[in-house]
């Protein structure tokens, strides 16, 4: 009952956010090998 039910008018936005989630997941996984050579601050 939070008012977050699926709405066709927001479907495009939902799909764009889903693509963003995939980008962040890829970034998180790909960054780990680099963190053996760089500090978190430097890599960021």
ModelCIF file with pLDDT and N, C-alpha, C, O atoms, coordinates in Angstrom:
data_MODEL
#
_entry.id   MODEL 
#
_entity.id                         1 
_entity.type                       polymer 
_entity.pdbx_number_of_molecules   1 
#
_entity_poly.entity_id                      1 
_entity_poly.type                           'polypeptide(L)' 
_entity_poly.nstd_linkage                   no 
_entity_poly.nstd_monomer                   no 
_entity_poly.pdbx_seq_one_letter_code       
;(UNK)(UNK)(UNK)(UNK)(UNK)(UNK)(UNK)(UNK)(UNK)(UNK)(UNK)(UNK)(UNK)(UNK)(UNK)(UNK)
(UNK)(UNK)(UNK)(UNK)(UNK)(UNK)(UNK)(UNK)(UNK)(UNK)(UNK)(UNK)(UNK)(UNK)(UNK)(UNK)
(UNK)(UNK)(UNK)(UNK)(UNK)(UNK)(UNK)(UNK)(UNK)(UNK)(UNK)(UNK)
;
_entity_poly.pdbx_seq_one_letter_code_can   XXXXXXXXXXXXXXXXXXXXXXXXXXXXXXXXXXXXXXXXXXXX 
_entity_poly.pdbx_strand_id                 A 
#
loop_
_entity_poly_seq.entity_id 
_entity_poly_seq.num 
_entity_poly_seq.mon_id 
_entity_poly_seq.hetero 
1 1  UNK n 
1 2  UNK n 
1 3  UNK n 
1 4  UNK n 
1 5  UNK n 
1 6  UNK n 
1 7  UNK n 
1 8  UNK n 
1 9  UNK n 
1 10 UNK n 
1 11 UNK n 
1 12 UNK n 
1 13 UNK n 
1 14 UNK n 
1 15 UNK n 
1 16 UNK n 
1 17 UNK n 
1 18 UNK n 
1 19 UNK n 
1 20 UNK n 
1 21 UNK n 
1 22 UNK n 
1 23 UNK n 
1 24 UNK n 
1 25 UNK n 
1 26 UNK n 
1 27 UNK n 
1 28 UNK n 
1 29 UNK n 
1 30 UNK n 
1 31 UNK n 
1 32 UNK n 
1 33 UNK n 
1 34 UNK n 
1 35 UNK n 
1 36 UNK n 
1 37 UNK n 
1 38 UNK n 
1 39 UNK n 
1 40 UNK n 
1 41 UNK n 
1 42 UNK n 
1 43 UNK n 
1 44 UNK n 
#
_struct_asym.id          A 
_struct_asym.entity_id   1 
#
loop_
_ma_qa_metric.id 
_ma_qa_metric.mode 
_ma_qa_metric.name 
_ma_qa_metric.software_group_id 
_ma_qa_metric.type 
1 global pLDDT . pLDDT 
2 local  pLDDT . pLDDT 
#
_ma_qa_metric_global.metric_id      1 
_ma_qa_metric_global.metric_value   80.39 
_ma_qa_metric_global.model_id       1 
_ma_qa_metric_global.ordinal_id     1 
#
loop_
_ma_qa_metric_local.label_asym_id 
_ma_qa_metric_local.label_comp_id 
_ma_qa_metric_local.label_seq_id 
_ma_qa_metric_local.metric_id 
_ma_qa_metric_local.metric_value 
_ma_qa_metric_local.model_id 
_ma_qa_metric_local.ordinal_id 
A UNK 1  2 50.00 1 1  
A UNK 2  2 45.00 1 2  
A UNK 3  2 49.00 1 3  
A UNK 4  2 49.00 1 4  
A UNK 5  2 50.00 1 5  
A UNK 6  2 49.00 1 6  
A UNK 7  2 54.00 1 7  
A UNK 8  2 61.00 1 8  
A UNK 9  2 62.00 1 9  
A UNK 10 2 69.00 1 10 
A UNK 11 2 75.00 1 11 
A UNK 12 2 84.00 1 12 
A UNK 13 2 86.00 1 13 
A UNK 14 2 81.00 1 14 
A UNK 15 2 86.00 1 15 
A UNK 16 2 93.00 1 16 
A UNK 17 2 89.00 1 17 
A UNK 18 2 86.00 1 18 
A UNK 19 2 94.00 1 19 
A UNK 20 2 95.00 1 20 
A UNK 21 2 90.00 1 21 
A UNK 22 2 91.00 1 22 
A UNK 23 2 95.00 1 23 
A UNK 24 2 90.00 1 24 
A UNK 25 2 89.00 1 25 
A UNK 26 2 92.00 1 26 
A UNK 27 2 90.00 1 27 
A UNK 28 2 86.00 1 28 
A UNK 29 2 87.00 1 29 
A UNK 30 2 89.00 1 30 
A UNK 31 2 88.00 1 31 
A UNK 32 2 83.00 1 32 
A UNK 33 2 86.00 1 33 
A UNK 34 2 92.00 1 34 
A UNK 35 2 86.00 1 35 
A UNK 36 2 87.00 1 36 
A UNK 37 2 89.00 1 37 
A UNK 38 2 91.00 1 38 
A UNK 39 2 88.00 1 39 
A UNK 40 2 83.00 1 40 
A UNK 41 2 87.00 1 41 
A UNK 42 2 92.00 1 42 
A UNK 43 2 91.00 1 43 
A UNK 44 2 88.00 1 44 
#
loop_
_atom_site.group_PDB 
_atom_site.id 
_atom_site.type_symbol 
_atom_site.label_atom_id 
_atom_site.label_alt_id 
_atom_site.label_comp_id 
_atom_site.label_asym_id 
_atom_site.label_entity_id 
_atom_site.label_seq_id 
_atom_site.pdbx_PDB_ins_code 
_atom_site.Cartn_x 
_atom_site.Cartn_y 
_atom_site.Cartn_z 
_atom_site.occupancy 
_atom_site.B_iso_or_equiv 
_atom_site.pdbx_formal_charge 
_atom_site.auth_seq_id 
_atom_site.auth_comp_id 
_atom_site.auth_asym_id 
_atom_site.auth_atom_id 
_atom_site.pdbx_PDB_model_num 
ATOM 1   N N  . UNK A 1 1  ? 0.778  -1.216 0.000   1.00 50.00 ? 1  UNK A N  1 
ATOM 2   C CA . UNK A 1 1  ? 0.000  0.000  0.000   1.00 50.00 ? 1  UNK A CA 1 
ATOM 3   C C  . UNK A 1 1  ? 0.814  1.271  0.000   1.00 50.00 ? 1  UNK A C  1 
ATOM 4   O O  . UNK A 1 1  ? 0.391  2.280  0.564   1.00 50.00 ? 1  UNK A O  1 
ATOM 5   N N  . UNK A 1 2  ? 1.994  1.237  -0.635  1.00 45.00 ? 2  UNK A N  1 
ATOM 6   C CA . UNK A 1 2  ? 2.830  2.436  -0.646  1.00 45.00 ? 2  UNK A CA 1 
ATOM 7   C C  . UNK A 1 2  ? 2.595  3.304  -1.876  1.00 45.00 ? 2  UNK A C  1 
ATOM 8   O O  . UNK A 1 2  ? 3.212  4.357  -2.037  1.00 45.00 ? 2  UNK A O  1 
ATOM 9   N N  . UNK A 1 3  ? 1.698  2.848  -2.736  1.00 49.00 ? 3  UNK A N  1 
ATOM 10  C CA . UNK A 1 3  ? 1.466  3.622  -3.944  1.00 49.00 ? 3  UNK A CA 1 
ATOM 11  C C  . UNK A 1 3  ? 2.531  3.386  -4.992  1.00 49.00 ? 3  UNK A C  1 
ATOM 12  O O  . UNK A 1 3  ? 2.705  4.208  -5.891  1.00 49.00 ? 3  UNK A O  1 
ATOM 13  N N  . UNK A 1 4  ? 3.251  2.273  -4.893  1.00 49.00 ? 4  UNK A N  1 
ATOM 14  C CA . UNK A 1 4  ? 4.328  1.999  -5.840  1.00 49.00 ? 4  UNK A CA 1 
ATOM 15  C C  . UNK A 1 4  ? 3.955  0.944  -6.876  1.00 49.00 ? 4  UNK A C  1 
ATOM 16  O O  . UNK A 1 4  ? 4.837  0.286  -7.428  1.00 49.00 ? 4  UNK A O  1 
ATOM 17  N N  . UNK A 1 5  ? 2.667  0.773  -7.145  1.00 50.00 ? 5  UNK A N  1 
ATOM 18  C CA . UNK A 1 5  ? 2.252  -0.225 -8.115  1.00 50.00 ? 5  UNK A CA 1 
ATOM 19  C C  . UNK A 1 5  ? 2.710  0.188  -9.514  1.00 50.00 ? 5  UNK A C  1 
ATOM 20  O O  . UNK A 1 5  ? 2.902  1.370  -9.801  1.00 50.00 ? 5  UNK A O  1 
ATOM 21  N N  . UNK A 1 6  ? 2.879  -0.823 -10.378 1.00 49.00 ? 6  UNK A N  1 
ATOM 22  C CA . UNK A 1 6  ? 3.401  -0.555 -11.713 1.00 49.00 ? 6  UNK A CA 1 
ATOM 23  C C  . UNK A 1 6  ? 2.427  0.305  -12.516 1.00 49.00 ? 6  UNK A C  1 
ATOM 24  O O  . UNK A 1 6  ? 1.230  0.020  -12.554 1.00 49.00 ? 6  UNK A O  1 
ATOM 25  N N  . UNK A 1 7  ? 2.928  1.331  -13.143 1.00 54.00 ? 7  UNK A N  1 
ATOM 26  C CA . UNK A 1 7  ? 2.146  2.273  -13.933 1.00 54.00 ? 7  UNK A CA 1 
ATOM 27  C C  . UNK A 1 7  ? 2.806  2.387  -15.292 1.00 54.00 ? 7  UNK A C  1 
ATOM 28  O O  . UNK A 1 7  ? 4.011  2.620  -15.389 1.00 54.00 ? 7  UNK A O  1 
ATOM 29  N N  . UNK A 1 8  ? 1.995  2.218  -16.370 1.00 61.00 ? 8  UNK A N  1 
ATOM 30  C CA . UNK A 1 8  ? 2.574  2.264  -17.711 1.00 61.00 ? 8  UNK A CA 1 
ATOM 31  C C  . UNK A 1 8  ? 3.253  3.589  -18.002 1.00 61.00 ? 8  UNK A C  1 
ATOM 32  O O  . UNK A 1 8  ? 4.238  3.638  -18.740 1.00 61.00 ? 8  UNK A O  1 
ATOM 33  N N  . UNK A 1 9  ? 2.730  4.669  -17.423 1.00 62.00 ? 9  UNK A N  1 
ATOM 34  C CA . UNK A 1 9  ? 3.314  5.982  -17.664 1.00 62.00 ? 9  UNK A CA 1 
ATOM 35  C C  . UNK A 1 9  ? 4.730  6.076  -17.111 1.00 62.00 ? 9  UNK A C  1 
ATOM 36  O O  . UNK A 1 9  ? 5.509  6.924  -17.548 1.00 62.00 ? 9  UNK A O  1 
ATOM 37  N N  . UNK A 1 10 ? 5.077  5.205  -16.144 1.00 69.00 ? 10 UNK A N  1 
ATOM 38  C CA . UNK A 1 10 ? 6.407  5.222  -15.537 1.00 69.00 ? 10 UNK A CA 1 
ATOM 39  C C  . UNK A 1 10 ? 7.269  4.056  -16.008 1.00 69.00 ? 10 UNK A C  1 
ATOM 40  O O  . UNK A 1 10 ? 8.399  3.891  -15.548 1.00 69.00 ? 10 UNK A O  1 
ATOM 41  N N  . UNK A 1 11 ? 6.734  3.242  -16.931 1.00 75.00 ? 11 UNK A N  1 
ATOM 42  C CA . UNK A 1 11 ? 7.463  2.051  -17.351 1.00 75.00 ? 11 UNK A CA 1 
ATOM 43  C C  . UNK A 1 11 ? 8.804  2.389  -17.992 1.00 75.00 ? 11 UNK A C  1 
ATOM 44  O O  . UNK A 1 11 ? 9.800  1.710  -17.740 1.00 75.00 ? 11 UNK A O  1 
ATOM 45  N N  . UNK A 1 12 ? 8.837  3.438  -18.821 1.00 84.00 ? 12 UNK A N  1 
ATOM 46  C CA . UNK A 1 12 ? 10.106 3.817  -19.458 1.00 84.00 ? 12 UNK A CA 1 
ATOM 47  C C  . UNK A 1 12 ? 11.147 4.171  -18.404 1.00 84.00 ? 12 UNK A C  1 
ATOM 48  O O  . UNK A 1 12 ? 12.305 3.765  -18.502 1.00 84.00 ? 12 UNK A O  1 
ATOM 49  N N  . UNK A 1 13 ? 10.727 4.929  -17.398 1.00 86.00 ? 13 UNK A N  1 
ATOM 50  C CA . UNK A 1 13 ? 11.647 5.282  -16.317 1.00 86.00 ? 13 UNK A CA 1 
ATOM 51  C C  . UNK A 1 13 ? 12.120 4.068  -15.559 1.00 86.00 ? 13 UNK A C  1 
ATOM 52  O O  . UNK A 1 13 ? 13.293 3.977  -15.196 1.00 86.00 ? 13 UNK A O  1 
ATOM 53  N N  . UNK A 1 14 ? 11.212 3.125  -15.312 1.00 81.00 ? 14 UNK A N  1 
ATOM 54  C CA . UNK A 1 14 ? 11.581 1.897  -14.606 1.00 81.00 ? 14 UNK A CA 1 
ATOM 55  C C  . UNK A 1 14 ? 12.643 1.116  -15.375 1.00 81.00 ? 14 UNK A C  1 
ATOM 56  O O  . UNK A 1 14 ? 13.604 0.619  -14.788 1.00 81.00 ? 14 UNK A O  1 
ATOM 57  N N  . UNK A 1 15 ? 12.464 1.012  -16.690 1.00 86.00 ? 15 UNK A N  1 
ATOM 58  C CA . UNK A 1 15 ? 13.416 0.268  -17.508 1.00 86.00 ? 15 UNK A CA 1 
ATOM 59  C C  . UNK A 1 15 ? 14.778 0.970  -17.559 1.00 86.00 ? 15 UNK A C  1 
ATOM 60  O O  . UNK A 1 15 ? 15.821 0.315  -17.575 1.00 86.00 ? 15 UNK A O  1 
ATOM 61  N N  . UNK A 1 16 ? 14.758 2.301  -17.585 1.00 93.00 ? 16 UNK A N  1 
ATOM 62  C CA . UNK A 1 16 ? 16.014 3.050  -17.572 1.00 93.00 ? 16 UNK A CA 1 
ATOM 63  C C  . UNK A 1 16 ? 16.755 2.817  -16.257 1.00 93.00 ? 16 UNK A C  1 
ATOM 64  O O  . UNK A 1 16 ? 17.972 2.632  -16.250 1.00 93.00 ? 16 UNK A O  1 
ATOM 65  N N  . UNK A 1 17 ? 16.019 2.828  -15.144 1.00 89.00 ? 17 UNK A N  1 
ATOM 66  C CA . UNK A 1 17 ? 16.634 2.578  -13.840 1.00 89.00 ? 17 UNK A CA 1 
ATOM 67  C C  . UNK A 1 17 ? 17.183 1.157  -13.769 1.00 89.00 ? 17 UNK A C  1 
ATOM 68  O O  . UNK A 1 17 ? 18.233 0.926  -13.170 1.00 89.00 ? 17 UNK A O  1 
ATOM 69  N N  . UNK A 1 18 ? 16.480 0.205  -14.375 1.00 86.00 ? 18 UNK A N  1 
ATOM 70  C CA . UNK A 1 18 ? 16.974 -1.176 -14.410 1.00 86.00 ? 18 UNK A CA 1 
ATOM 71  C C  . UNK A 1 18 ? 18.313 -1.246 -15.141 1.00 86.00 ? 18 UNK A C  1 
ATOM 72  O O  . UNK A 1 18 ? 19.223 -1.955 -14.710 1.00 86.00 ? 18 UNK A O  1 
ATOM 73  N N  . UNK A 1 19 ? 18.431 -0.512 -16.244 1.00 94.00 ? 19 UNK A N  1 
ATOM 74  C CA . UNK A 1 19 ? 19.704 -0.459 -16.961 1.00 94.00 ? 19 UNK A CA 1 
ATOM 75  C C  . UNK A 1 19 ? 20.786 0.185  -16.089 1.00 94.00 ? 19 UNK A C  1 
ATOM 76  O O  . UNK A 1 19 ? 21.944 -0.229 -16.129 1.00 94.00 ? 19 UNK A O  1 
ATOM 77  N N  . UNK A 1 20 ? 20.409 1.193  -15.304 1.00 95.00 ? 20 UNK A N  1 
ATOM 78  C CA . UNK A 1 20 ? 21.359 1.827  -14.386 1.00 95.00 ? 20 UNK A CA 1 
ATOM 79  C C  . UNK A 1 20 ? 21.845 0.827  -13.346 1.00 95.00 ? 20 UNK A C  1 
ATOM 80  O O  . UNK A 1 20 ? 23.032 0.797  -13.021 1.00 95.00 ? 20 UNK A O  1 
ATOM 81  N N  . UNK A 1 21 ? 20.939 0.009  -12.824 1.00 90.00 ? 21 UNK A N  1 
ATOM 82  C CA . UNK A 1 21 ? 21.316 -1.009 -11.837 1.00 90.00 ? 21 UNK A CA 1 
ATOM 83  C C  . UNK A 1 21 ? 22.320 -1.992 -12.415 1.00 90.00 ? 21 UNK A C  1 
ATOM 84  O O  . UNK A 1 21 ? 23.252 -2.412 -11.729 1.00 90.00 ? 21 UNK A O  1 
ATOM 85  N N  . UNK A 1 22 ? 22.130 -2.357 -13.669 1.00 91.00 ? 22 UNK A N  1 
ATOM 86  C CA . UNK A 1 22 ? 23.072 -3.269 -14.320 1.00 91.00 ? 22 UNK A CA 1 
ATOM 87  C C  . UNK A 1 22 ? 24.445 -2.616 -14.473 1.00 91.00 ? 22 UNK A C  1 
ATOM 88  O O  . UNK A 1 22 ? 25.470 -3.278 -14.312 1.00 91.00 ? 22 UNK A O  1 
ATOM 89  N N  . UNK A 1 23 ? 24.464 -1.319 -14.783 1.00 95.00 ? 23 UNK A N  1 
ATOM 90  C CA . UNK A 1 23 ? 25.731 -0.605 -14.894 1.00 95.00 ? 23 UNK A CA 1 
ATOM 91  C C  . UNK A 1 23 ? 26.461 -0.576 -13.556 1.00 95.00 ? 23 UNK A C  1 
ATOM 92  O O  . UNK A 1 23 ? 27.668 -0.811 -13.497 1.00 95.00 ? 23 UNK A O  1 
ATOM 93  N N  . UNK A 1 24 ? 25.725 -0.287 -12.479 1.00 90.00 ? 24 UNK A N  1 
ATOM 94  C CA . UNK A 1 24 ? 26.368 -0.196 -11.170 1.00 90.00 ? 24 UNK A CA 1 
ATOM 95  C C  . UNK A 1 24 ? 26.899 -1.556 -10.718 1.00 90.00 ? 24 UNK A C  1 
ATOM 96  O O  . UNK A 1 24 ? 27.971 -1.638 -10.118 1.00 90.00 ? 24 UNK A O  1 
ATOM 97  N N  . UNK A 1 25 ? 26.151 -2.616 -11.004 1.00 89.00 ? 25 UNK A N  1 
ATOM 98  C CA . UNK A 1 25 ? 26.607 -3.960 -10.649 1.00 89.00 ? 25 UNK A CA 1 
ATOM 99  C C  . UNK A 1 25 ? 27.883 -4.307 -11.409 1.00 89.00 ? 25 UNK A C  1 
ATOM 100 O O  . UNK A 1 25 ? 28.826 -4.855 -10.839 1.00 89.00 ? 25 UNK A O  1 
ATOM 101 N N  . UNK A 1 26 ? 27.903 -3.985 -12.693 1.00 92.00 ? 26 UNK A N  1 
ATOM 102 C CA . UNK A 1 26 ? 29.094 -4.243 -13.512 1.00 92.00 ? 26 UNK A CA 1 
ATOM 103 C C  . UNK A 1 26 ? 30.296 -3.464 -12.993 1.00 92.00 ? 26 UNK A C  1 
ATOM 104 O O  . UNK A 1 26 ? 31.401 -3.997 -12.893 1.00 92.00 ? 26 UNK A O  1 
ATOM 105 N N  . UNK A 1 27 ? 30.071 -2.224 -12.672 1.00 90.00 ? 27 UNK A N  1 
ATOM 106 C CA . UNK A 1 27 ? 31.113 -1.347 -12.114 1.00 90.00 ? 27 UNK A CA 1 
ATOM 107 C C  . UNK A 1 27 ? 31.660 -1.900 -10.801 1.00 90.00 ? 27 UNK A C  1 
ATOM 108 O O  . UNK A 1 27 ? 32.871 -1.902 -10.580 1.00 90.00 ? 27 UNK A O  1 
ATOM 109 N N  . UNK A 1 28 ? 30.768 -2.365 -9.936  1.00 86.00 ? 28 UNK A N  1 
ATOM 110 C CA . UNK A 1 28 ? 31.183 -2.897 -8.635  1.00 86.00 ? 28 UNK A CA 1 
ATOM 111 C C  . UNK A 1 28 ? 32.070 -4.130 -8.796  1.00 86.00 ? 28 UNK A C  1 
ATOM 112 O O  . UNK A 1 28 ? 33.090 -4.257 -8.119  1.00 86.00 ? 28 UNK A O  1 
ATOM 113 N N  . UNK A 1 29 ? 31.685 -5.026 -9.682  1.00 87.00 ? 29 UNK A N  1 
ATOM 114 C CA . UNK A 1 29 ? 32.449 -6.257 -9.895  1.00 87.00 ? 29 UNK A CA 1 
ATOM 115 C C  . UNK A 1 29 ? 33.775 -5.964 -10.593 1.00 87.00 ? 29 UNK A C  1 
ATOM 116 O O  . UNK A 1 29 ? 34.815 -6.495 -10.205 1.00 87.00 ? 29 UNK A O  1 
ATOM 117 N N  . UNK A 1 30 ? 33.735 -5.119 -11.622 1.00 89.00 ? 30 UNK A N  1 
ATOM 118 C CA . UNK A 1 30 ? 34.942 -4.822 -12.391 1.00 89.00 ? 30 UNK A CA 1 
ATOM 119 C C  . UNK A 1 30 ? 35.974 -4.031 -11.580 1.00 89.00 ? 30 UNK A C  1 
ATOM 120 O O  . UNK A 1 30 ? 37.169 -4.085 -11.872 1.00 89.00 ? 30 UNK A O  1 
ATOM 121 N N  . UNK A 1 31 ? 35.514 -3.301 -10.566 1.00 88.00 ? 31 UNK A N  1 
ATOM 122 C CA . UNK A 1 31 ? 36.441 -2.459 -9.803  1.00 88.00 ? 31 UNK A CA 1 
ATOM 123 C C  . UNK A 1 31 ? 37.306 -3.256 -8.835  1.00 88.00 ? 31 UNK A C  1 
ATOM 124 O O  . UNK A 1 31 ? 38.382 -2.796 -8.454  1.00 88.00 ? 31 UNK A O  1 
ATOM 125 N N  . UNK A 1 32 ? 36.858 -4.438 -8.431  1.00 83.00 ? 32 UNK A N  1 
ATOM 126 C CA . UNK A 1 32 ? 37.559 -5.144 -7.364  1.00 83.00 ? 32 UNK A CA 1 
ATOM 127 C C  . UNK A 1 32 ? 39.018 -5.478 -7.709  1.00 83.00 ? 32 UNK A C  1 
ATOM 128 O O  . UNK A 1 32 ? 39.882 -5.271 -6.856  1.00 83.00 ? 32 UNK A O  1 
ATOM 129 N N  . UNK A 1 33 ? 39.341 -5.980 -8.907  1.00 86.00 ? 33 UNK A N  1 
ATOM 130 C CA . UNK A 1 33 ? 40.761 -6.252 -9.193  1.00 86.00 ? 33 UNK A CA 1 
ATOM 131 C C  . UNK A 1 33 ? 41.630 -4.998 -9.122  1.00 86.00 ? 33 UNK A C  1 
ATOM 132 O O  . UNK A 1 33 ? 42.795 -5.075 -8.732  1.00 86.00 ? 33 UNK A O  1 
ATOM 133 N N  . UNK A 1 34 ? 41.080 -3.857 -9.492  1.00 92.00 ? 34 UNK A N  1 
ATOM 134 C CA . UNK A 1 34 ? 41.846 -2.618 -9.463  1.00 92.00 ? 34 UNK A CA 1 
ATOM 135 C C  . UNK A 1 34 ? 42.162 -2.190 -8.027  1.00 92.00 ? 34 UNK A C  1 
ATOM 136 O O  . UNK A 1 34 ? 43.160 -1.512 -7.780  1.00 92.00 ? 34 UNK A O  1 
ATOM 137 N N  . UNK A 1 35 ? 41.310 -2.587 -7.092  1.00 86.00 ? 35 UNK A N  1 
ATOM 138 C CA . UNK A 1 35 ? 41.496 -2.164 -5.707  1.00 86.00 ? 35 UNK A CA 1 
ATOM 139 C C  . UNK A 1 35 ? 42.655 -2.885 -5.013  1.00 86.00 ? 35 UNK A C  1 
ATOM 140 O O  . UNK A 1 35 ? 42.995 -2.563 -3.875  1.00 86.00 ? 35 UNK A O  1 
ATOM 141 N N  . UNK A 1 36 ? 43.251 -3.846 -5.689  1.00 87.00 ? 36 UNK A N  1 
ATOM 142 C CA . UNK A 1 36 ? 44.466 -4.456 -5.152  1.00 87.00 ? 36 UNK A CA 1 
ATOM 143 C C  . UNK A 1 36 ? 45.699 -3.598 -5.456  1.00 87.00 ? 36 UNK A C  1 
ATOM 144 O O  . UNK A 1 36 ? 46.779 -3.829 -4.913  1.00 87.00 ? 36 UNK A O  1 
ATOM 145 N N  . UNK A 1 37 ? 45.515 -2.604 -6.335  1.00 89.00 ? 37 UNK A N  1 
ATOM 146 C CA . UNK A 1 37 ? 46.617 -1.737 -6.744  1.00 89.00 ? 37 UNK A CA 1 
ATOM 147 C C  . UNK A 1 37 ? 46.384 -0.263 -6.419  1.00 89.00 ? 37 UNK A C  1 
ATOM 148 O O  . UNK A 1 37 ? 47.337 0.504  -6.283  1.00 89.00 ? 37 UNK A O  1 
ATOM 149 N N  . UNK A 1 38 ? 45.128 0.127  -6.294  1.00 91.00 ? 38 UNK A N  1 
ATOM 150 C CA . UNK A 1 38 ? 44.790 1.518  -6.026  1.00 91.00 ? 38 UNK A CA 1 
ATOM 151 C C  . UNK A 1 38 ? 44.014 1.622  -4.721  1.00 91.00 ? 38 UNK A C  1 
ATOM 152 O O  . UNK A 1 38 ? 43.291 0.701  -4.341  1.00 91.00 ? 38 UNK A O  1 
ATOM 153 N N  . UNK A 1 39 ? 44.172 2.755  -4.041  1.00 88.00 ? 39 UNK A N  1 
ATOM 154 C CA . UNK A 1 39 ? 43.323 3.014  -2.888  1.00 88.00 ? 39 UNK A CA 1 
ATOM 155 C C  . UNK A 1 39 ? 41.904 3.303  -3.371  1.00 88.00 ? 39 UNK A C  1 
ATOM 156 O O  . UNK A 1 39 ? 41.686 3.613  -4.542  1.00 88.00 ? 39 UNK A O  1 
ATOM 157 N N  . UNK A 1 40 ? 40.937 3.197  -2.448  1.00 83.00 ? 40 UNK A N  1 
ATOM 158 C CA . UNK A 1 40 ? 39.545 3.492  -2.796  1.00 83.00 ? 40 UNK A CA 1 
ATOM 159 C C  . UNK A 1 40 ? 39.410 4.931  -3.291  1.00 83.00 ? 40 UNK A C  1 
ATOM 160 O O  . UNK A 1 40 ? 38.700 5.195  -4.260  1.00 83.00 ? 40 UNK A O  1 
ATOM 161 N N  . UNK A 1 41 ? 40.088 5.848  -2.628  1.00 87.00 ? 41 UNK A N  1 
ATOM 162 C CA . UNK A 1 41 ? 40.012 7.258  -3.011  1.00 87.00 ? 41 UNK A CA 1 
ATOM 163 C C  . UNK A 1 41 ? 40.580 7.488  -4.402  1.00 87.00 ? 41 UNK A C  1 
ATOM 164 O O  . UNK A 1 41 ? 39.974 8.192  -5.209  1.00 87.00 ? 41 UNK A O  1 
ATOM 165 N N  . UNK A 1 42 ? 41.741 6.901  -4.690  1.00 92.00 ? 42 UNK A N  1 
ATOM 166 C CA . UNK A 1 42 ? 42.388 7.109  -5.997  1.00 92.00 ? 42 UNK A CA 1 
ATOM 167 C C  . UNK A 1 42 ? 41.554 6.518  -7.125  1.00 92.00 ? 42 UNK A C  1 
ATOM 168 O O  . UNK A 1 42 ? 41.371 7.157  -8.161  1.00 92.00 ? 42 UNK A O  1 
ATOM 169 N N  . UNK A 1 43 ? 41.053 5.316  -6.937  1.00 91.00 ? 43 UNK A N  1 
ATOM 170 C CA . UNK A 1 43 ? 40.263 4.692  -8.001  1.00 91.00 ? 43 UNK A CA 1 
ATOM 171 C C  . UNK A 1 43 ? 38.966 5.461  -8.234  1.00 91.00 ? 43 UNK A C  1 
ATOM 172 O O  . UNK A 1 43 ? 38.555 5.649  -9.380  1.00 91.00 ? 43 UNK A O  1 
ATOM 173 N N  . UNK A 1 44 ? 38.321 5.905  -7.162  1.00 88.00 ? 44 UNK A N  1 
ATOM 174 C CA . UNK A 1 44 ? 37.100 6.694  -7.297  1.00 88.00 ? 44 UNK A CA 1 
ATOM 175 C C  . UNK A 1 44 ? 37.363 7.962  -8.104  1.00 88.00 ? 44 UNK A C  1 
ATOM 176 O O  . UNK A 1 44 ? 36.448 8.755  -8.323  1.00 88.00 ? 44 UNK A O  1 
#
